[in-house]
Protein backbone atom coordinates (compact mmCIF):
# COMPACT_ATOMS: atom_id res chain seq x y z
CA MET A 1 106.59 61.21 172.83
CA ASP A 2 107.30 59.83 169.72
CA ILE A 3 105.48 60.31 166.58
CA ASN A 4 103.34 57.17 166.98
CA GLU A 5 102.12 58.60 170.15
CA ILE A 6 101.30 61.82 168.83
CA VAL A 7 99.19 60.33 165.88
CA LYS A 8 97.17 58.16 168.35
CA THR A 9 96.44 60.85 170.61
CA LEU A 10 95.18 62.84 167.33
CA ASP A 11 93.16 59.82 166.51
CA ASN A 12 91.32 59.69 170.06
CA PHE A 13 90.92 63.53 169.83
CA ALA A 14 89.10 63.33 166.56
CA TRP A 15 86.92 60.37 167.13
CA GLY A 16 85.83 61.86 170.63
CA PRO A 17 82.07 61.46 171.72
CA VAL A 18 81.05 64.60 169.80
CA LEU A 19 82.09 63.23 166.42
CA VAL A 20 80.62 59.60 167.17
CA PHE A 21 77.27 61.35 168.18
CA LEU A 22 77.24 63.68 165.54
CA CYS A 23 77.64 61.04 162.72
CA LEU A 24 74.88 58.46 164.46
CA VAL A 25 72.37 61.05 164.81
CA SER A 26 72.94 62.97 161.26
CA GLY A 27 71.85 59.35 159.77
CA VAL A 28 68.98 58.97 162.09
CA ILE A 29 67.80 62.47 161.01
CA PHE A 30 68.03 61.94 157.43
CA SER A 31 66.18 58.54 157.73
CA VAL A 32 63.25 60.13 159.78
CA LEU A 33 62.94 63.23 157.58
CA MET A 34 62.56 60.88 154.35
CA LYS A 35 60.66 58.26 156.22
CA PHE A 36 63.28 55.42 155.95
CA PRO A 37 63.80 54.92 152.39
CA GLN A 38 66.56 52.26 152.95
CA ILE A 39 63.91 50.10 154.33
CA ARG A 40 60.71 50.98 152.05
CA MET A 41 62.37 51.73 148.78
CA THR A 42 64.93 48.96 148.36
CA ASP A 43 63.43 48.38 144.90
CA GLN A 44 64.74 52.00 143.87
CA MET A 45 68.12 51.27 145.01
CA VAL A 46 68.47 48.14 142.85
CA SER A 47 66.84 49.40 139.83
CA ASN A 48 68.77 52.51 139.85
CA LEU A 49 71.93 50.57 139.54
CA PHE A 50 71.36 49.37 135.96
CA GLY A 51 69.45 52.20 134.67
CA GLY A 52 70.57 55.29 133.04
CA LYS A 53 71.88 56.01 129.59
CA ASN A 54 75.44 56.31 128.25
CA SER A 55 76.78 59.45 128.09
CA LYS A 56 80.36 60.55 126.86
CA SER A 57 80.32 62.98 130.00
CA GLY A 58 79.33 60.61 132.92
CA LEU A 59 79.91 57.14 134.06
CA THR A 60 76.96 54.74 133.95
CA PRO A 61 75.15 54.17 137.26
CA PHE A 62 76.49 51.06 137.64
CA GLN A 63 80.11 51.97 136.84
CA SER A 64 79.84 54.86 139.45
CA PHE A 65 78.27 52.15 142.02
CA SER A 66 81.07 49.87 141.34
CA ILE A 67 83.81 52.48 142.00
CA ALA A 68 82.03 53.90 145.16
CA LEU A 69 81.54 50.52 146.42
CA GLY A 70 85.10 49.41 145.67
CA GLY A 71 85.96 52.48 147.70
CA ARG A 72 83.82 51.53 150.60
CA VAL A 73 84.85 47.90 150.80
CA GLY A 74 88.48 48.31 151.21
CA THR A 75 90.53 47.24 154.11
CA GLY A 76 88.05 48.52 156.22
CA THR A 77 85.94 45.63 155.76
CA ILE A 78 88.53 43.02 156.92
CA THR A 79 91.13 44.65 159.04
CA GLY A 80 88.81 47.36 160.25
CA THR A 81 86.24 44.87 161.39
CA ALA A 82 88.64 42.79 162.88
CA GLY A 83 90.23 45.94 164.58
CA ALA A 84 86.80 47.14 165.98
CA ILE A 85 86.35 43.47 167.64
CA LEU A 86 89.72 43.79 169.09
CA MET A 87 88.93 47.26 170.49
CA GLY A 88 85.21 47.09 171.34
CA GLY A 89 84.39 43.45 171.44
CA PRO A 90 81.93 41.61 169.60
CA GLY A 91 79.31 44.37 170.50
CA SER A 92 80.94 46.68 167.94
CA ILE A 93 79.65 44.71 165.03
CA PHE A 94 76.21 45.35 166.01
CA TRP A 95 76.93 49.21 166.26
CA MET A 96 78.79 48.96 162.70
CA CYS A 97 75.69 47.69 161.31
CA VAL A 98 73.63 50.21 162.94
CA MET A 99 75.80 53.00 161.84
CA THR A 100 76.00 51.61 158.20
CA LEU A 101 71.93 51.60 158.02
CA PHE A 102 71.57 55.01 159.07
CA GLY A 103 74.67 56.24 157.30
CA SER A 104 73.11 54.95 154.12
CA MET A 105 71.07 57.98 154.16
CA SER A 106 74.07 60.35 154.92
CA ALA A 107 75.24 58.56 151.46
CA PHE A 108 72.27 59.40 149.93
CA ILE A 109 71.99 63.11 150.88
CA GLU A 110 75.72 63.70 149.98
CA SER A 111 75.30 62.02 146.84
CA VAL A 112 72.00 63.90 145.73
CA LEU A 113 73.86 67.08 146.59
CA ALA A 114 76.81 66.05 144.45
CA GLN A 115 74.78 65.27 141.50
CA THR A 116 72.67 68.66 142.06
CA TYR A 117 75.55 70.83 141.90
CA LYS A 118 77.92 69.03 139.49
CA GLU A 119 80.01 70.79 136.80
CA ARG A 120 81.19 69.80 133.62
CA VAL A 121 84.93 69.82 133.00
CA ASN A 122 86.72 68.99 130.03
CA ASP A 123 83.28 67.17 128.80
CA GLU A 124 83.36 65.29 132.06
CA TYR A 125 81.11 65.55 135.36
CA VAL A 126 82.68 66.49 138.39
CA GLY A 127 81.09 66.92 141.64
CA GLY A 128 81.47 66.27 145.35
CA PRO A 129 81.36 68.26 148.76
CA ALA A 130 83.48 71.34 147.70
CA TYR A 131 80.94 71.89 144.99
CA TYR A 132 77.83 71.73 147.30
CA ILE A 133 79.57 73.68 150.07
CA GLU A 134 80.36 76.56 147.72
CA LYS A 135 76.96 76.52 145.38
CA GLY A 136 74.65 75.10 148.42
CA LEU A 137 76.18 76.70 151.48
CA ARG A 138 77.55 79.63 149.33
CA TRP A 139 80.74 79.32 151.52
CA LYS A 140 83.67 79.24 148.97
CA PRO A 141 86.38 79.38 151.49
CA LEU A 142 85.45 75.96 153.33
CA GLY A 143 84.98 74.46 149.76
CA ILE A 144 88.61 75.26 149.01
CA ILE A 145 89.88 74.00 152.48
CA TYR A 146 87.52 70.69 151.94
CA ALA A 147 89.12 70.29 148.74
CA ILE A 148 92.75 70.69 149.69
CA TYR A 149 92.11 68.58 152.81
CA ALA A 150 90.38 65.81 150.76
CA ILE A 151 93.33 65.41 148.38
CA ILE A 152 95.88 64.95 151.18
CA PHE A 153 93.51 62.54 153.03
CA LEU A 154 93.25 60.44 150.12
CA ILE A 155 96.71 60.41 149.20
CA ILE A 156 97.62 59.08 152.60
CA PHE A 157 94.89 56.72 152.68
CA THR A 158 96.42 55.04 149.73
CA ALA A 159 99.57 54.22 152.06
CA LEU A 160 97.24 52.36 154.35
CA GLN A 161 95.41 50.51 151.69
CA ALA A 162 98.86 49.33 150.28
CA ASN A 163 100.09 48.68 153.69
CA SER A 164 97.30 46.37 154.74
CA PHE A 165 97.55 44.25 151.26
CA THR A 166 101.22 43.89 151.49
CA SER A 167 101.34 42.90 155.20
CA VAL A 168 98.94 40.09 154.55
CA ALA A 169 100.60 39.14 151.06
CA SER A 170 104.34 39.00 152.51
CA VAL A 171 103.04 36.56 155.23
CA SER A 172 101.13 34.35 152.87
CA PHE A 173 103.70 34.16 150.35
CA ASN A 174 106.97 34.58 152.53
CA MET A 175 108.08 37.38 150.32
CA GLN A 176 109.64 40.82 151.09
CA PRO A 177 107.14 43.69 151.18
CA ILE A 178 109.11 45.72 148.55
CA ILE A 179 108.81 42.96 146.09
CA ILE A 180 105.09 42.89 146.52
CA GLY A 181 104.49 46.75 146.64
CA THR A 182 106.46 46.86 143.30
CA ALA A 183 104.30 44.66 141.65
CA TYR A 184 101.44 46.38 143.09
CA VAL A 185 102.10 49.79 141.74
CA VAL A 186 103.03 48.68 138.33
CA LEU A 187 99.45 47.29 137.99
CA LEU A 188 97.94 50.58 139.63
CA ALA A 189 99.77 52.50 137.33
CA LEU A 190 98.50 50.55 134.21
CA VAL A 191 94.94 51.47 135.23
CA ILE A 192 95.30 54.80 136.68
CA PHE A 193 97.14 56.22 133.54
CA GLY A 194 94.47 55.05 131.44
CA GLY A 195 91.74 57.65 132.72
CA PHE A 196 88.60 57.51 134.52
CA LYS A 197 86.72 55.65 132.08
CA ARG A 198 89.21 52.67 132.11
CA ILE A 199 88.95 52.87 135.83
CA GLY A 200 85.17 52.60 135.70
CA LYS A 201 85.46 49.58 133.37
CA VAL A 202 87.87 47.60 135.58
CA ALA A 203 85.66 48.36 138.51
CA GLU A 204 82.37 47.35 137.25
CA VAL A 205 84.05 43.86 136.50
CA ILE A 206 86.36 43.33 139.65
CA VAL A 207 84.06 44.70 142.24
CA PRO A 208 80.89 42.52 141.95
CA PHE A 209 83.23 39.56 141.49
CA MET A 210 85.13 40.01 144.73
CA SER A 211 82.31 41.08 146.65
CA ALA A 212 80.36 38.00 145.69
CA GLY A 213 83.03 35.59 146.26
CA TYR A 214 83.96 36.83 149.81
CA ILE A 215 80.37 36.84 150.89
CA LEU A 216 79.83 33.04 149.28
CA LEU A 217 82.69 31.69 151.31
CA ALA A 218 81.28 33.38 154.39
CA ILE A 219 77.92 31.63 153.53
CA ILE A 220 79.60 28.30 153.40
CA MET A 221 81.34 28.67 156.73
CA PHE A 222 77.75 29.93 158.13
CA ALA A 223 76.13 26.78 156.59
CA VAL A 224 78.83 24.45 157.97
CA ASN A 225 79.17 25.88 161.36
CA TYR A 226 75.16 26.59 161.50
CA THR A 227 75.09 25.35 165.21
CA GLU A 228 77.00 28.56 165.96
CA ILE A 229 74.71 30.98 164.33
CA ILE A 230 72.34 31.64 167.30
CA ASN A 231 75.54 31.80 169.68
CA VAL A 232 77.26 34.33 167.53
CA PHE A 233 74.37 36.71 167.14
CA ALA A 234 73.66 36.23 170.69
CA MET A 235 77.19 37.25 171.63
CA ILE A 236 77.07 40.27 169.43
CA PHE A 237 73.82 41.66 170.53
CA LYS A 238 74.47 41.10 174.46
CA SER A 239 78.00 42.55 173.90
CA ALA A 240 76.38 45.65 172.23
CA PHE A 241 74.15 46.38 175.39
CA GLY A 242 76.54 45.32 178.06
CA LEU A 243 74.43 41.95 178.82
CA ASP A 244 77.45 39.57 178.23
CA ALA A 245 79.35 38.94 181.51
CA ALA A 246 82.78 38.88 179.57
CA PHE A 247 82.34 42.32 177.89
CA GLY A 248 79.96 44.24 180.17
CA GLY A 249 82.38 46.89 180.63
CA LEU A 250 82.78 47.69 176.96
CA VAL A 251 79.38 49.09 175.83
CA GLY A 252 81.14 52.76 175.21
CA SER A 253 84.07 51.06 173.30
CA SER A 254 81.47 49.07 171.41
CA ILE A 255 79.59 52.27 170.52
CA SER A 256 82.78 54.15 169.64
CA TRP A 257 84.53 51.64 167.78
CA GLY A 258 81.48 50.48 165.99
CA VAL A 259 80.54 53.92 164.60
CA LYS A 260 84.29 54.67 163.99
CA ARG A 261 84.84 51.54 162.02
CA GLY A 262 81.53 51.64 160.43
CA ILE A 263 82.24 55.07 158.73
CA PHE A 264 85.82 53.88 157.92
CA SER A 265 84.55 51.08 156.07
CA ASN A 266 81.45 52.25 154.22
CA GLU A 267 82.63 56.23 153.99
CA ALA A 268 79.13 57.13 154.57
CA GLY A 269 79.12 60.75 155.64
CA LEU A 270 82.95 61.63 154.44
CA GLY A 271 81.76 62.81 151.08
CA THR A 272 84.19 60.57 149.36
CA GLY A 273 81.22 58.46 147.76
CA ALA A 274 79.76 61.85 146.66
CA MET A 275 82.66 62.57 144.78
CA VAL A 276 81.97 59.43 142.18
CA ALA A 277 78.21 59.82 142.56
CA GLY A 278 78.75 63.23 140.71
CA THR A 279 80.17 61.69 137.91
CA ALA A 280 77.19 59.50 137.01
CA GLU A 281 74.90 60.09 134.14
CA VAL A 282 71.20 60.03 135.43
CA SER A 283 68.20 61.93 134.91
CA HIS A 284 67.58 62.82 138.49
CA PRO A 285 70.14 63.17 141.51
CA ALA A 286 68.11 61.06 143.78
CA LYS A 287 68.88 57.84 141.40
CA ALA A 288 72.78 58.56 141.81
CA GLY A 289 71.52 58.95 145.77
CA PHE A 290 69.90 55.63 145.84
CA ALA A 291 72.87 53.62 143.99
CA GLN A 292 75.16 55.11 146.64
CA ALA A 293 72.95 54.26 149.52
CA PHE A 294 72.59 50.65 148.15
CA SER A 295 76.64 50.28 148.06
CA THR A 296 76.96 51.52 151.62
CA ILE A 297 74.24 48.65 152.70
CA VAL A 298 76.12 46.28 150.80
CA THR A 299 79.07 46.62 153.15
CA ILE A 300 76.73 45.44 156.23
CA PHE A 301 76.89 41.85 154.60
CA ILE A 302 80.75 42.11 154.17
CA CYS A 303 81.53 43.21 157.46
CA LEU A 304 79.03 40.58 158.91
CA ALA A 305 80.68 38.24 156.61
CA THR A 306 84.21 38.94 157.96
CA ALA A 307 82.97 38.95 161.70
CA PHE A 308 81.00 35.53 161.19
CA MET A 309 84.03 33.94 159.78
CA ILE A 310 85.94 35.04 162.97
CA PHE A 311 83.46 34.34 165.70
CA SER A 312 82.43 30.78 164.21
CA ALA A 313 86.20 29.95 164.40
CA ASN A 314 86.83 31.82 167.69
CA THR A 315 89.95 33.42 166.11
CA PHE A 316 89.97 36.82 167.94
CA ASN A 317 91.00 38.64 170.84
CA VAL A 318 89.49 41.62 172.85
CA GLU A 319 91.73 44.08 174.54
CA ASN A 320 91.03 45.29 178.09
CA PRO A 321 91.11 48.93 178.24
CA LYS A 322 92.96 48.88 181.39
CA GLY A 323 95.63 46.92 179.75
CA GLY A 324 96.08 42.94 178.73
CA PHE A 325 93.17 41.19 177.35
CA LEU A 326 89.65 40.40 178.44
CA LEU A 327 89.71 37.40 175.97
CA GLU A 328 92.63 36.15 174.16
CA ASN A 329 91.72 33.26 171.84
CA VAL A 330 94.56 33.47 169.64
CA PRO A 331 97.83 34.44 171.40
CA GLY A 332 100.10 36.33 169.38
CA VAL A 333 97.97 36.84 166.57
CA ALA A 334 97.54 40.44 165.14
CA ASN A 335 93.76 41.69 164.47
CA GLY A 336 94.81 41.78 160.60
CA GLU A 337 95.27 38.12 160.81
CA PHE A 338 91.88 37.24 162.59
CA THR A 339 90.07 36.32 159.13
CA ALA A 340 93.12 34.66 157.62
CA THR A 341 93.47 32.35 160.67
CA ALA A 342 89.68 31.57 160.72
CA ILE A 343 89.62 30.44 156.92
CA SER A 344 92.86 28.60 157.51
CA ASN A 345 91.17 26.73 160.45
CA PHE A 346 88.15 25.89 158.15
CA ILE A 347 90.06 25.24 155.05
CA PRO A 348 93.88 24.42 156.00
CA GLY A 349 96.56 26.28 153.92
CA PHE A 350 93.80 28.32 152.11
CA GLY A 351 93.21 31.27 154.41
CA GLY A 352 96.45 33.25 153.81
CA ILE A 353 95.86 32.72 149.85
CA PHE A 354 92.08 33.76 149.95
CA ILE A 355 92.56 36.78 152.17
CA THR A 356 95.79 37.85 150.20
CA ILE A 357 93.39 37.64 147.00
CA ALA A 358 90.55 39.60 148.64
CA MET A 359 92.64 42.02 149.94
CA PHE A 360 94.40 42.90 146.64
CA LEU A 361 90.83 43.20 145.08
CA PHE A 362 89.43 45.25 147.82
CA THR A 363 92.34 47.94 148.26
CA PHE A 364 93.23 47.99 144.36
CA THR A 365 89.80 49.24 143.53
CA THR A 366 89.78 51.50 146.45
CA ILE A 367 92.80 53.15 145.25
CA LEU A 368 91.42 53.55 141.96
CA ALA A 369 88.43 55.07 143.49
CA TYR A 370 90.65 57.76 145.08
CA VAL A 371 92.05 58.67 141.78
CA ILE A 372 88.61 59.84 140.84
CA TYR A 373 87.92 61.50 144.21
CA ILE A 374 91.02 63.49 143.66
CA LYS A 375 90.37 64.49 140.24
CA SER A 376 86.91 65.97 141.26
CA ASN A 377 88.86 68.06 143.84
CA VAL A 378 91.48 69.19 141.63
CA ALA A 379 88.86 70.10 138.86
CA TYR A 380 87.14 72.43 141.56
CA LEU A 381 90.17 74.20 142.53
CA LEU A 382 91.37 75.08 139.19
CA ARG A 383 88.15 76.20 137.75
CA GLY A 384 88.83 78.41 134.97
CA ASN A 385 92.09 76.90 134.20
CA ILE A 386 91.11 73.52 133.44
CA GLN A 387 91.96 73.79 129.62
CA GLY A 388 95.55 74.41 130.24
CA ARG A 389 98.62 72.44 130.52
CA LYS A 390 98.51 73.35 134.35
CA TYR A 391 95.61 71.36 135.07
CA ASN A 392 96.95 68.00 133.30
CA LYS A 393 100.43 68.63 135.05
CA ILE A 394 98.59 68.73 138.57
CA ILE A 395 96.74 65.68 137.91
CA LEU A 396 99.65 63.74 136.43
CA THR A 397 101.50 64.88 139.52
CA LEU A 398 98.96 63.60 142.12
CA ASN A 399 98.68 60.37 140.25
CA ILE A 400 102.37 59.95 140.90
CA PHE A 401 101.99 60.66 144.32
CA ILE A 402 99.14 58.19 144.51
CA ILE A 403 101.73 55.39 142.96
CA ALA A 404 104.59 56.84 145.27
CA MET A 405 102.29 56.51 148.34
CA ALA A 406 101.03 53.02 147.40
CA PHE A 407 104.81 52.03 147.18
CA VAL A 408 105.99 53.60 150.34
CA GLY A 409 103.12 52.59 152.50
CA PRO A 410 104.16 48.95 153.28
CA LEU A 411 107.31 50.14 154.36
CA VAL A 412 106.01 52.42 156.87
CA SER A 413 104.91 51.23 160.48
CA ALA A 414 101.22 49.86 160.30
CA ASP A 415 99.93 51.34 163.53
CA LEU A 416 101.37 55.02 162.38
CA VAL A 417 99.48 54.42 158.93
CA TRP A 418 96.32 53.44 160.60
CA ASN A 419 96.10 56.04 163.39
CA LEU A 420 96.90 58.91 160.96
CA GLY A 421 94.59 57.74 158.56
CA SER A 422 91.87 57.21 161.13
CA ALA A 423 92.40 60.68 162.59
CA LEU A 424 92.39 62.34 159.07
CA CYS A 425 88.98 60.37 158.36
CA GLY A 426 87.62 61.58 161.51
CA PHE A 427 88.16 65.52 160.87
CA LEU A 428 86.78 64.67 157.35
CA ALA A 429 83.73 63.25 158.64
CA MET A 430 83.22 66.11 160.97
CA ILE A 431 83.34 68.91 158.29
CA ASN A 432 81.25 67.09 155.55
CA THR A 433 78.68 65.84 158.14
CA ILE A 434 78.20 69.26 159.43
CA CYS A 435 77.68 70.46 155.79
CA ILE A 436 75.39 67.98 154.65
CA LEU A 437 73.08 68.48 157.93
CA LEU A 438 72.89 72.46 157.04
CA LEU A 439 71.99 71.44 153.49
CA ALA A 440 69.51 68.63 154.59
CA LYS A 441 66.20 70.84 153.57
CA LYS A 442 67.33 70.86 149.98
CA GLY A 443 68.27 67.36 149.98
CA VAL A 444 65.05 66.22 151.28
CA LEU A 445 63.30 68.57 149.17
CA ILE A 446 64.97 66.79 145.93
CA PHE A 447 64.10 63.63 147.32
CA LYS A 448 60.23 64.49 147.59
CA ASP A 449 60.53 65.72 144.10
CA TYR A 450 61.48 62.19 142.80
CA GLU A 451 58.95 60.67 145.02
CA LYS A 452 56.10 62.90 143.53
CA GLN A 453 57.30 62.02 139.91
CA LEU A 454 57.07 58.21 140.90
CA ARG A 455 53.51 58.83 142.23
CA LYS A 456 52.72 60.13 138.71
CA GLY A 457 54.27 56.94 137.04
CA ILE A 458 56.96 58.52 134.87
CA ASP A 459 60.73 58.30 134.87
CA PRO A 460 61.70 61.19 137.17
CA ILE A 461 63.99 63.89 135.82
CA PHE A 462 65.40 67.02 137.54
CA ILE A 463 64.13 70.51 136.89
CA PRO A 464 65.82 72.91 139.60
CA SER A 465 63.41 75.73 139.00
CA THR A 466 60.26 73.70 139.91
CA ILE A 467 61.51 73.23 143.46
CA GLY A 468 63.50 76.47 143.91
CA ILE A 469 67.05 75.03 143.54
CA LYS A 470 69.44 77.75 142.44
CA ASN A 471 73.08 77.39 141.28
CA ALA A 472 72.33 74.02 139.21
CA GLU A 473 72.13 75.48 135.92
CA LEU A 474 74.11 72.74 134.18
CA TRP A 475 70.80 70.22 134.62
CA ASP A 476 68.87 72.61 132.03
CA ASP A 477 71.73 71.46 129.63
CA ILE A 478 71.61 67.93 130.74
CA THR A 479 67.79 67.40 130.42
CA ALA A 480 68.01 69.09 127.16
CA GLU A 481 70.73 67.05 125.58
CA ASN A 482 69.64 63.58 126.97
CA TYR A 483 66.35 63.47 128.33
CA SER A 484 63.61 65.17 125.97
CA GLU A 485 61.36 62.18 126.16
CA GLU A 486 61.35 62.43 129.99
CA VAL A 487 60.86 66.23 129.81
CA ASN A 488 57.69 65.58 127.83
CA ALA A 489 56.20 62.91 130.13
CA TYR A 490 56.69 65.34 132.81
CA HIS A 491 54.88 68.09 131.21
CA ASN A 492 52.04 65.67 130.19
CA ALA A 493 51.98 64.25 133.90
CA PHE A 494 51.74 67.76 135.51
CA ASN A 495 49.86 69.57 132.97
CA THR A 496 52.81 72.08 132.19
CA GLN A 497 53.90 74.15 129.21
CA PRO A 498 57.14 74.03 127.64
CA LYS A 499 59.28 77.14 127.05
CA ASP A 500 59.02 79.29 124.16
CA SER A 501 61.03 77.64 121.46
CA ASN A 502 62.37 80.78 120.51
CA ASN A 503 64.69 80.72 123.52
CA SER A 504 68.08 80.02 123.07
CA ASN A 505 68.05 77.20 125.91
CA ASN A 506 65.78 74.28 124.65
CA GLN A 507 65.07 73.36 127.95
CA SER A 508 61.53 73.09 129.05
CA LYS A 509 60.43 75.80 131.93
CA VAL A 510 57.98 74.45 134.52
CA PRO A 511 56.23 76.73 137.16
CA THR A 512 56.81 75.67 140.45
CA LEU A 513 54.76 73.00 141.71
CA SER A 514 52.55 73.02 145.14
C-alpha cells in the first residue's frame, strides 16, 4: 500500500459515520437551545459586522469577519463543492447547505467561547479553542494537544490551498507550477511579514470584493439560464433523499460528502474561525459570535453559486461507488475543472481566467487567516515567555514554514494533499466539536445574557460575574478601558450599583441577575 492509499484510508476513517453524526447533531442542538438565532436574529448578524470600537489590542469586527470569511471561502467553496458533487451526487449540495445552516451555530458557540476566555498578548488579543479548553473545561493537557495539532494542520492546509490555485492557474496560463508558485509566495510574504494588522486591512478589502464578484457571475448565469432553475433545484432535492432514479443509491454518500465538504468549506466546528473571533474588539462575546455565524452562512451562497454554474451547464460527473461513473457529462475533466468548464461554456475563453482569479483571491486570504490562527496557538503554548526573543523567533519560523508549504504544495500530488488535509480536518473537528458540546451550557448562558440586555434596549456589555462565568478576568479591564458609557447604561437598566471607586479595579461590580 503506497502513501496515497494510506492517507486515503486515514481520511475515510476520520470521516466515518460517528463524526458526520456528531457534527450535524451538535449544530442542531445549539440551534434548538438558542431557538434558532440564525433565522430570527439575522439583523444582529449584520449589525455586528459594522459596530464596535477601534482598539490597539483588537481587530475591528468587520476585519475579524473578513479574515474568517477569507478562511471559510477558500478552495473548499470551488474545488470542494465540485468534489462533493463528484463523490456524492447533486444531493450532496443540499446536505452542504443544511450542514452550513446548523453549523453556523457551532461557529457561534465556539466564537463566543473564544471571546469569553481570550487573553492579551503583547498588547494584542488572542483566543481560540486551546484557551476555552483550558479555562472553560479546565483541561490544560488537551488544550496543549489541540494547539500543537492545529498548528500542524494549518501548515499542511497551506499546501492544499496553494496546490488548488496553481493547478488551475498553470492550466489557464499554460505555465509551469513552479513559476506560478514562486510569484504566489512572494506576494504572501509581503503581507504576512507585515503583521496581523496588515492582514486585517488586506482581508477587509479583498474578501467582500471577491465574494460579491463570484456571486454576481452566478446570478448572471442564473438569469440567463432561468429555465433550468426549477430542474436544478428539483435534481438537488430529489438526489438528497434518494428520489432521483439516477442517484437513488447515493443517499448515504450524499449526506456524508455534504457534511464533510460543508465543514471543509465553512470550517464551522473546527475552531479555526474561533481563533480570529478571539482577536476582535467587541463589548460582548455574542457580537463576535454573530459576526462569525454570518460568515459561515455566507458560504452557503458561494457554494450554491458554484453548484448552479456547474449544474446549469451540465459540466459534472458523478462517480459510482462500485467503480466507473453513474453520470459522465464531461469525460476526462477533473472535478477541480467543473466550474471553469461551466463558465467557459457560458463565456468562451473566460472560465479559466475567472476561476484562476477567484482561486487566487480565495486561497490567498485563506492562508492569511491561517497566519492569525497559528499565532493564536503559539501565544497559548508560550504564555509566560511571550516578551522574549523565543516567541518572535517561533512566529518567524512558522511564517517561513507557511511560505515554504505554499511553495511546495503545488509540486505534490493533488490527491495526497487533499486526502491528508481532509483527514486532519476530520480529527480537528472531532476534538473541537466534543469540547464545545461540553461547554454548550456556558455558551448558551452568555447568549441569553446578550438577549436579556437587548430586551432592555441597551448596547450589551459583558460582565462575567453577573452570570457566574469564571476565568474571564480580562473582561474587567476591557469594559473599564473601552466601555464606561455602556457600563453606566447597564447599571441604569438593571438598577445595580457600581463598585466602590476606591477599589483598584475600576470595573463595575454587578450582582448576579435572576
